[in-house]
Amino acid sequence: MIEKELCALTKQLMLTCMGGRNLDKIQEITGFFTNNAVVIGSRSDEFYTSVEQIENALNNDKWKEGRNYICRPVKEWFQCIPLSEKVFLVCGNIRLEMIFGSGDAGEAAQDYRAGLSEADVRVSVVWKLEKEQIHALHIHFSLPEEDFLPCRAEDLTGTAADEYHGSVDRKEAAYYKKLSERDLMTGLYNRGSFEKYVKLQLNEVGGGTFYMIDLDDFKAVNDTYGHVAGDRVIAGMAGILREVFGESAVIGRLGGDEFAVFENGSSSRKESEEKARRVMQAYRLMSEKYGNEILLSCSIGLYREKGKETFENLYSCADEALYFSKNSYKGTFHWYYRQCRT
């Protein structure tokens, strides 16, 4: 899978750049670039627009061969976003441990416990596939904290060290938790986190109203206007759902052009139907942005339960109601009933 390969390649590039610089590594790094590649570092003077500039910077005296440390990844996150059929954007964040030795770089035996620093490094790389080869068009490296965090006992000890590291760990945990829960394109909950938070609400308050929303004939949008426009339509629907349902509802993108919403509490049947109509109307109005060449419509299935209910049953019933909507008359909503459907 090309996305997985490009994420691994980006990590390899980062580790090579952060490791000790020598001639072999310089050739390895520059072999990725096109002649007019752009590389931007975290410092104001780190801006290069050609392979020659990149090689000169890496071969500068400030990057001496055999630098006396070991570079080891601790935590990482990478995400690949297709920009076109042959161009991909990879974004990543990696925490590195830099373990410095006490002896000279050329010594055989070194005490690598002498110093330990950590660094968070962020990167974005635009990759292009050309004739079965992969090249980097643009790279941006960033260090949120320019100076490495000292972790040696003589630098931070006692309560100050505990408070600092505790704060860093909490912030980092929250950052990675948010990344893992959200759909990258829309910012809505992804499928897994949507199910998780619906189940939490079911445990607290019991039943509620479950909406399944599907964009009708979405493939025609991509075929007519292109995938970039299709992505905008997906993001537009996410905005509509946020506006109609507000922060109290659990809203997710389950994948592709399928969305789901769960509202707990005692909203009436009439109120739920009004929200479904508002969603369909707002989405239909988006057709005007594309000259009404394609009439945008969405289908919705609803299921409501006042008592104790499981996520699996809510999902199944709403999905069956959605199936009925799409196969009876698209651009409508229908409720699920135990004995019959309307």
Protein backbone atom coordinates (compact mmCIF):
# COMPACT_ATOMS: atom_id res chain seq x y z
CA MET A 1 0.00 0.00 0.00
CA ILE A 2 1.61 3.26 -1.16
CA GLU A 3 0.39 5.32 1.83
CA LYS A 4 2.07 2.95 4.29
CA GLU A 5 5.26 2.90 2.22
CA LEU A 6 5.46 6.70 2.11
CA CYS A 7 4.94 6.99 5.88
CA ALA A 8 7.81 4.54 6.42
CA LEU A 9 9.98 6.44 3.94
CA THR A 10 9.27 9.73 5.71
CA LYS A 11 10.30 8.22 9.04
CA GLN A 12 13.50 6.89 7.46
CA LEU A 13 14.26 10.33 6.05
CA MET A 14 13.73 12.00 9.44
CA LEU A 15 15.97 9.53 11.27
CA THR A 16 18.68 9.90 8.63
CA CYS A 17 18.59 13.69 8.91
CA MET A 18 18.66 13.62 12.70
CA GLY A 19 21.47 11.04 12.92
CA GLY A 20 25.19 11.70 12.61
CA ARG A 21 26.03 13.32 9.27
CA ASN A 22 28.59 11.67 7.01
CA LEU A 23 29.12 11.37 3.27
CA ASP A 24 27.06 8.19 2.90
CA LYS A 25 24.14 9.73 4.74
CA ILE A 26 24.31 12.92 2.67
CA GLN A 27 24.09 10.87 -0.53
CA GLU A 28 21.25 8.82 0.93
CA ILE A 29 19.25 11.93 1.82
CA THR A 30 19.82 13.89 -1.39
CA GLY A 31 18.94 10.84 -3.48
CA PHE A 32 15.30 11.40 -2.52
CA PHE A 33 15.05 14.94 -3.91
CA THR A 34 14.15 16.33 -7.31
CA ASN A 35 16.55 18.98 -8.61
CA ASN A 36 14.21 21.84 -7.65
CA ALA A 37 13.11 20.42 -4.30
CA VAL A 38 12.43 22.90 -1.49
CA VAL A 39 13.55 22.14 2.07
CA ILE A 40 12.61 24.37 5.01
CA GLY A 41 14.07 23.87 8.49
CA SER A 42 13.07 25.31 11.83
CA ARG A 43 15.73 28.04 11.82
CA SER A 44 15.52 31.18 9.71
CA ASP A 45 18.63 30.29 7.67
CA GLU A 46 17.44 26.78 6.83
CA PHE A 47 15.81 27.31 3.46
CA TYR A 48 17.07 25.44 0.39
CA THR A 49 15.74 25.37 -3.16
CA SER A 50 18.08 22.95 -4.92
CA VAL A 51 19.89 19.67 -4.33
CA GLU A 52 23.22 21.52 -4.51
CA GLN A 53 22.21 23.83 -1.64
CA ILE A 54 21.01 20.88 0.41
CA GLU A 55 24.28 18.98 -0.13
CA ASN A 56 26.34 22.04 0.80
CA ALA A 57 24.34 22.53 4.00
CA LEU A 58 24.61 18.89 5.03
CA ASN A 59 28.34 18.81 4.21
CA ASN A 60 29.04 21.97 6.19
CA ASP A 61 31.61 21.86 8.98
CA LYS A 62 28.86 22.20 11.59
CA TRP A 63 27.80 18.65 10.69
CA LYS A 64 31.00 16.78 11.48
CA GLU A 65 31.29 13.09 10.73
CA GLY A 66 30.73 10.60 13.52
CA ARG A 67 28.73 12.79 15.88
CA ASN A 68 28.85 11.19 19.29
CA TYR A 69 25.26 10.15 19.98
CA ILE A 70 22.68 7.50 19.33
CA CYS A 71 19.31 8.61 17.89
CA ARG A 72 16.35 6.46 18.99
CA PRO A 73 12.61 6.99 18.24
CA VAL A 74 10.29 6.80 21.27
CA LYS A 75 6.83 7.76 20.00
CA GLU A 76 5.61 8.55 16.50
CA TRP A 77 2.59 9.39 14.38
CA PHE A 78 2.38 9.65 10.58
CA GLN A 79 -0.54 10.29 8.23
CA CYS A 80 -0.54 10.09 4.41
CA ILE A 81 -3.01 12.24 2.45
CA PRO A 82 -3.44 11.67 -1.33
CA LEU A 83 -3.41 15.02 -3.15
CA SER A 84 -3.75 13.49 -6.59
CA GLU A 85 -3.15 10.15 -8.26
CA LYS A 86 0.64 10.58 -8.06
CA VAL A 87 1.20 13.24 -5.39
CA PHE A 88 0.92 12.56 -1.65
CA LEU A 89 1.38 14.61 1.51
CA VAL A 90 2.80 12.89 4.58
CA CYS A 91 2.58 14.66 7.94
CA GLY A 92 4.33 13.29 10.98
CA ASN A 93 5.48 13.84 14.52
CA ILE A 94 8.21 11.82 16.19
CA ARG A 95 9.79 11.99 19.63
CA LEU A 96 13.48 11.14 19.63
CA GLU A 97 15.86 10.24 22.41
CA MET A 98 19.35 11.60 21.79
CA ILE A 99 21.80 9.59 23.90
CA PHE A 100 25.18 11.32 24.07
CA GLY A 101 28.42 9.49 24.85
CA SER A 102 31.05 10.72 27.30
CA GLY A 103 34.07 9.80 25.15
CA ASP A 104 35.29 11.00 21.77
CA ALA A 105 33.40 9.92 18.68
CA GLY A 106 36.16 7.61 17.53
CA GLU A 107 36.59 5.73 20.79
CA ALA A 108 35.49 2.10 20.79
CA ALA A 109 34.11 2.07 24.33
CA GLN A 110 31.82 4.90 25.32
CA ASP A 111 29.49 5.52 28.22
CA TYR A 112 26.22 6.45 26.53
CA ARG A 113 24.57 7.01 29.89
CA ALA A 114 26.46 10.28 30.21
CA GLY A 115 23.71 12.41 28.72
CA LEU A 116 20.14 12.03 27.53
CA SER A 117 18.01 14.59 25.70
CA GLU A 118 14.63 14.38 24.00
CA ALA A 119 13.28 16.25 20.98
CA ASP A 120 9.89 16.42 19.27
CA VAL A 121 10.33 16.76 15.52
CA ARG A 122 7.47 17.49 13.13
CA VAL A 123 7.67 17.04 9.38
CA SER A 124 5.59 17.41 6.25
CA VAL A 125 6.78 15.92 2.96
CA VAL A 126 5.21 16.16 -0.49
CA TRP A 127 6.06 12.97 -2.40
CA LYS A 128 5.61 12.41 -6.12
CA LEU A 129 5.59 9.10 -7.98
CA GLU A 130 7.47 9.36 -11.28
CA LYS A 131 8.24 6.38 -13.52
CA GLU A 132 8.14 3.89 -10.63
CA GLN A 133 10.40 6.13 -8.54
CA ILE A 134 9.55 8.22 -5.50
CA HIS A 135 10.86 11.77 -5.16
CA ALA A 136 10.42 14.49 -2.55
CA LEU A 137 9.19 17.83 -3.89
CA HIS A 138 8.97 19.68 -0.59
CA ILE A 139 10.08 19.02 3.00
CA HIS A 140 9.42 21.07 6.11
CA PHE A 141 11.11 20.12 9.38
CA SER A 142 10.07 21.81 12.60
CA LEU A 143 11.21 21.50 16.22
CA PRO A 144 8.49 22.96 18.50
CA GLU A 145 11.14 23.43 21.18
CA GLU A 146 14.34 24.47 19.46
CA ASP A 147 16.59 23.38 22.30
CA PHE A 148 16.57 19.77 23.37
CA LEU A 149 14.94 19.03 26.71
CA PRO A 150 17.66 18.18 29.25
CA CYS A 151 16.81 15.00 31.12
CA ARG A 152 19.95 14.55 33.19
CA ALA A 153 19.68 14.48 36.95
CA GLU A 154 21.87 17.53 37.39
CA ASP A 155 19.58 19.60 35.13
CA LEU A 156 16.15 18.72 36.50
CA THR A 157 15.59 17.01 39.81
CA GLY A 158 12.96 16.54 42.47
CA THR A 159 9.56 18.20 42.34
CA ALA A 160 10.47 20.51 39.44
CA ALA A 161 11.39 17.56 37.23
CA ASP A 162 8.26 15.62 38.20
CA GLU A 163 5.98 18.60 37.49
CA TYR A 164 7.65 19.39 34.17
CA HIS A 165 7.61 15.85 32.84
CA GLY A 166 4.10 15.30 34.15
CA SER A 167 2.89 18.36 32.26
CA VAL A 168 4.66 17.28 29.06
CA ASP A 169 3.28 13.75 29.31
CA ARG A 170 -0.29 14.99 29.85
CA LYS A 171 -0.14 17.38 26.91
CA GLU A 172 1.38 14.76 24.65
CA ALA A 173 -1.17 12.16 25.69
CA ALA A 174 -4.01 14.59 24.95
CA TYR A 175 -2.47 15.44 21.56
CA TYR A 176 -2.14 11.82 20.43
CA LYS A 177 -5.55 10.94 21.84
CA LYS A 178 -7.18 13.68 19.76
CA LEU A 179 -5.33 12.58 16.62
CA SER A 180 -6.41 8.98 17.10
CA GLU A 181 -10.08 9.88 17.59
CA ARG A 182 -10.70 12.26 14.70
CA ASP A 183 -11.29 11.85 11.01
CA LEU A 184 -8.52 13.82 9.32
CA MET A 185 -10.62 15.43 6.58
CA THR A 186 -13.64 16.56 8.61
CA GLY A 187 -12.49 16.69 12.23
CA LEU A 188 -15.51 14.56 13.20
CA TYR A 189 -15.13 11.41 15.27
CA ASN A 190 -13.87 8.44 13.29
CA ARG A 191 -15.77 5.17 13.33
CA GLY A 192 -14.08 3.71 16.38
CA SER A 193 -14.30 6.79 18.58
CA PHE A 194 -17.90 7.45 17.47
CA GLU A 195 -18.92 4.02 18.74
CA LYS A 196 -16.96 4.55 21.95
CA TYR A 197 -18.65 7.85 22.84
CA VAL A 198 -22.12 6.66 21.89
CA LYS A 199 -21.67 3.70 24.21
CA LEU A 200 -20.57 6.02 27.01
CA GLN A 201 -23.74 8.08 26.61
CA LEU A 202 -25.90 4.96 26.45
CA ASN A 203 -24.44 3.82 29.77
CA GLU A 204 -25.20 7.19 31.35
CA VAL A 205 -28.64 8.11 30.01
CA GLY A 206 -29.95 5.09 28.12
CA GLY A 207 -31.56 5.48 24.71
CA GLY A 208 -31.71 8.30 22.22
CA THR A 209 -32.08 9.03 18.51
CA PHE A 210 -29.63 7.54 16.01
CA TYR A 211 -29.26 9.05 12.53
CA MET A 212 -27.51 7.37 9.60
CA ILE A 213 -26.72 9.76 6.73
CA ASP A 214 -25.49 8.74 3.28
CA LEU A 215 -24.67 11.06 0.35
CA ASP A 216 -26.62 9.91 -2.71
CA ASP A 217 -24.63 9.07 -5.86
CA PHE A 218 -21.46 10.55 -4.41
CA LYS A 219 -19.33 8.85 -7.06
CA ALA A 220 -20.94 11.14 -9.64
CA VAL A 221 -19.63 14.15 -7.70
CA ASN A 222 -16.05 12.87 -7.89
CA ASP A 223 -16.43 11.87 -11.56
CA THR A 224 -17.90 15.24 -12.57
CA TYR A 225 -15.99 17.74 -10.43
CA GLY A 226 -12.91 15.78 -9.31
CA HIS A 227 -11.78 14.42 -5.97
CA VAL A 228 -10.80 17.83 -4.58
CA ALA A 229 -14.38 19.04 -5.01
CA GLY A 230 -15.59 15.74 -3.58
CA ASP A 231 -13.51 16.34 -0.46
CA ARG A 232 -15.06 19.80 -0.13
CA VAL A 233 -18.52 18.30 -0.34
CA ILE A 234 -17.63 15.81 2.43
CA ALA A 235 -16.29 18.65 4.58
CA GLY A 236 -19.41 20.68 3.78
CA MET A 237 -21.67 17.94 5.10
CA ALA A 238 -19.58 17.78 8.28
CA GLY A 239 -20.17 21.50 8.76
CA ILE A 240 -23.91 21.07 8.23
CA LEU A 241 -24.11 18.33 10.87
CA ARG A 242 -22.21 20.45 13.39
CA GLU A 243 -24.55 23.39 12.78
CA VAL A 244 -27.78 21.36 12.96
CA PHE A 245 -26.96 19.11 15.92
CA GLY A 246 -24.55 21.23 17.97
CA GLU A 247 -21.93 20.16 20.50
CA SER A 248 -24.19 17.99 22.63
CA ALA A 249 -24.57 15.32 19.92
CA VAL A 250 -22.00 12.69 19.00
CA ILE A 251 -21.19 13.16 15.30
CA GLY A 252 -18.99 10.84 13.27
CA ARG A 253 -17.82 10.05 9.79
CA LEU A 254 -18.02 6.30 9.49
CA GLY A 255 -16.10 6.18 6.24
CA GLY A 256 -16.39 7.42 2.66
CA ASP A 257 -19.65 9.35 2.28
CA GLU A 258 -21.39 7.85 5.31
CA PHE A 259 -22.04 9.81 8.51
CA ALA A 260 -23.83 9.10 11.79
CA VAL A 261 -25.24 11.18 14.65
CA PHE A 262 -26.45 10.17 18.08
CA GLU A 263 -28.58 12.44 20.28
CA ASN A 264 -29.40 11.30 23.78
CA GLY A 265 -32.15 12.73 25.95
CA SER A 266 -35.80 13.31 25.28
CA SER A 267 -36.01 15.15 21.97
CA SER A 268 -39.37 14.51 20.34
CA ARG A 269 -40.01 12.67 17.13
CA LYS A 270 -41.06 15.94 15.51
CA GLU A 271 -37.80 17.66 16.53
CA SER A 272 -35.75 14.79 15.11
CA GLU A 273 -37.60 14.95 11.81
CA GLU A 274 -37.09 18.70 11.61
CA LYS A 275 -33.34 18.26 12.02
CA ALA A 276 -33.30 15.60 9.32
CA ARG A 277 -35.09 18.00 6.96
CA ARG A 278 -32.63 20.80 7.78
CA VAL A 279 -29.69 18.54 6.95
CA MET A 280 -31.19 17.47 3.62
CA GLN A 281 -32.11 21.03 2.66
CA ALA A 282 -28.70 22.51 3.55
CA TYR A 283 -26.92 19.78 1.63
CA ARG A 284 -29.20 20.27 -1.39
CA LEU A 285 -28.36 24.00 -1.41
CA MET A 286 -24.67 23.14 -1.85
CA SER A 287 -25.57 22.23 -5.45
CA GLU A 288 -25.57 25.95 -6.26
CA LYS A 289 -21.80 26.10 -5.69
CA TYR A 290 -21.35 23.71 -8.63
CA GLY A 291 -23.81 25.32 -11.01
CA ASN A 292 -26.58 22.83 -10.22
CA GLU A 293 -25.02 20.44 -12.75
CA ILE A 294 -25.64 17.68 -10.23
CA LEU A 295 -28.44 17.92 -7.70
CA LEU A 296 -26.91 16.97 -4.38
CA SER A 297 -29.10 14.91 -2.09
CA CYS A 298 -28.67 12.73 0.95
CA SER A 299 -30.71 9.92 2.48
CA ILE A 300 -31.26 9.46 6.21
CA GLY A 301 -32.37 6.57 8.38
CA LEU A 302 -33.57 7.17 11.96
CA TYR A 303 -34.14 4.97 14.95
CA ARG A 304 -35.31 6.11 18.39
CA GLU A 305 -35.36 4.21 21.65
CA LYS A 306 -36.26 5.65 25.06
CA GLY A 307 -35.12 2.76 27.25
CA LYS A 308 -31.83 0.90 27.61
CA GLU A 309 -30.35 0.17 24.22
CA THR A 310 -27.13 -1.23 22.72
CA PHE A 311 -25.01 0.55 20.15
CA GLU A 312 -25.18 -2.46 17.84
CA ASN A 313 -28.98 -2.45 17.77
CA LEU A 314 -29.21 1.33 17.28
CA TYR A 315 -26.77 1.14 14.40
CA SER A 316 -28.45 -1.87 12.78
CA CYS A 317 -31.96 -0.39 12.93
CA ALA A 318 -30.94 3.06 11.69
CA ASP A 319 -28.90 1.46 8.91
CA GLU A 320 -31.91 -0.61 7.81
CA ALA A 321 -34.04 2.55 7.75
CA LEU A 322 -31.34 4.24 5.65
CA TYR A 323 -31.31 1.30 3.24
CA PHE A 324 -35.07 1.70 2.82
CA SER A 325 -34.67 5.45 2.14
CA LYS A 326 -32.03 4.91 -0.54
CA ASN A 327 -34.00 2.16 -2.24
CA SER A 328 -37.41 3.81 -2.15
CA TYR A 329 -36.77 7.42 -3.05
CA LYS A 330 -33.39 9.09 -2.53
CA GLY A 331 -33.22 12.39 -0.72
CA THR A 332 -35.69 11.33 1.96
CA PHE A 333 -35.63 10.13 5.57
CA HIS A 334 -37.42 7.15 7.11
CA TRP A 335 -37.88 5.75 10.59
CA TYR A 336 -37.26 2.15 11.49
CA TYR A 337 -40.17 0.21 13.00
CA ARG A 338 -40.08 -3.25 14.51
CA GLN A 339 -43.08 -4.48 12.54
CA CYS A 340 -42.99 -2.37 9.43
CA ARG A 341 -41.13 0.40 7.69
CA THR A 342 -42.37 3.68 6.23
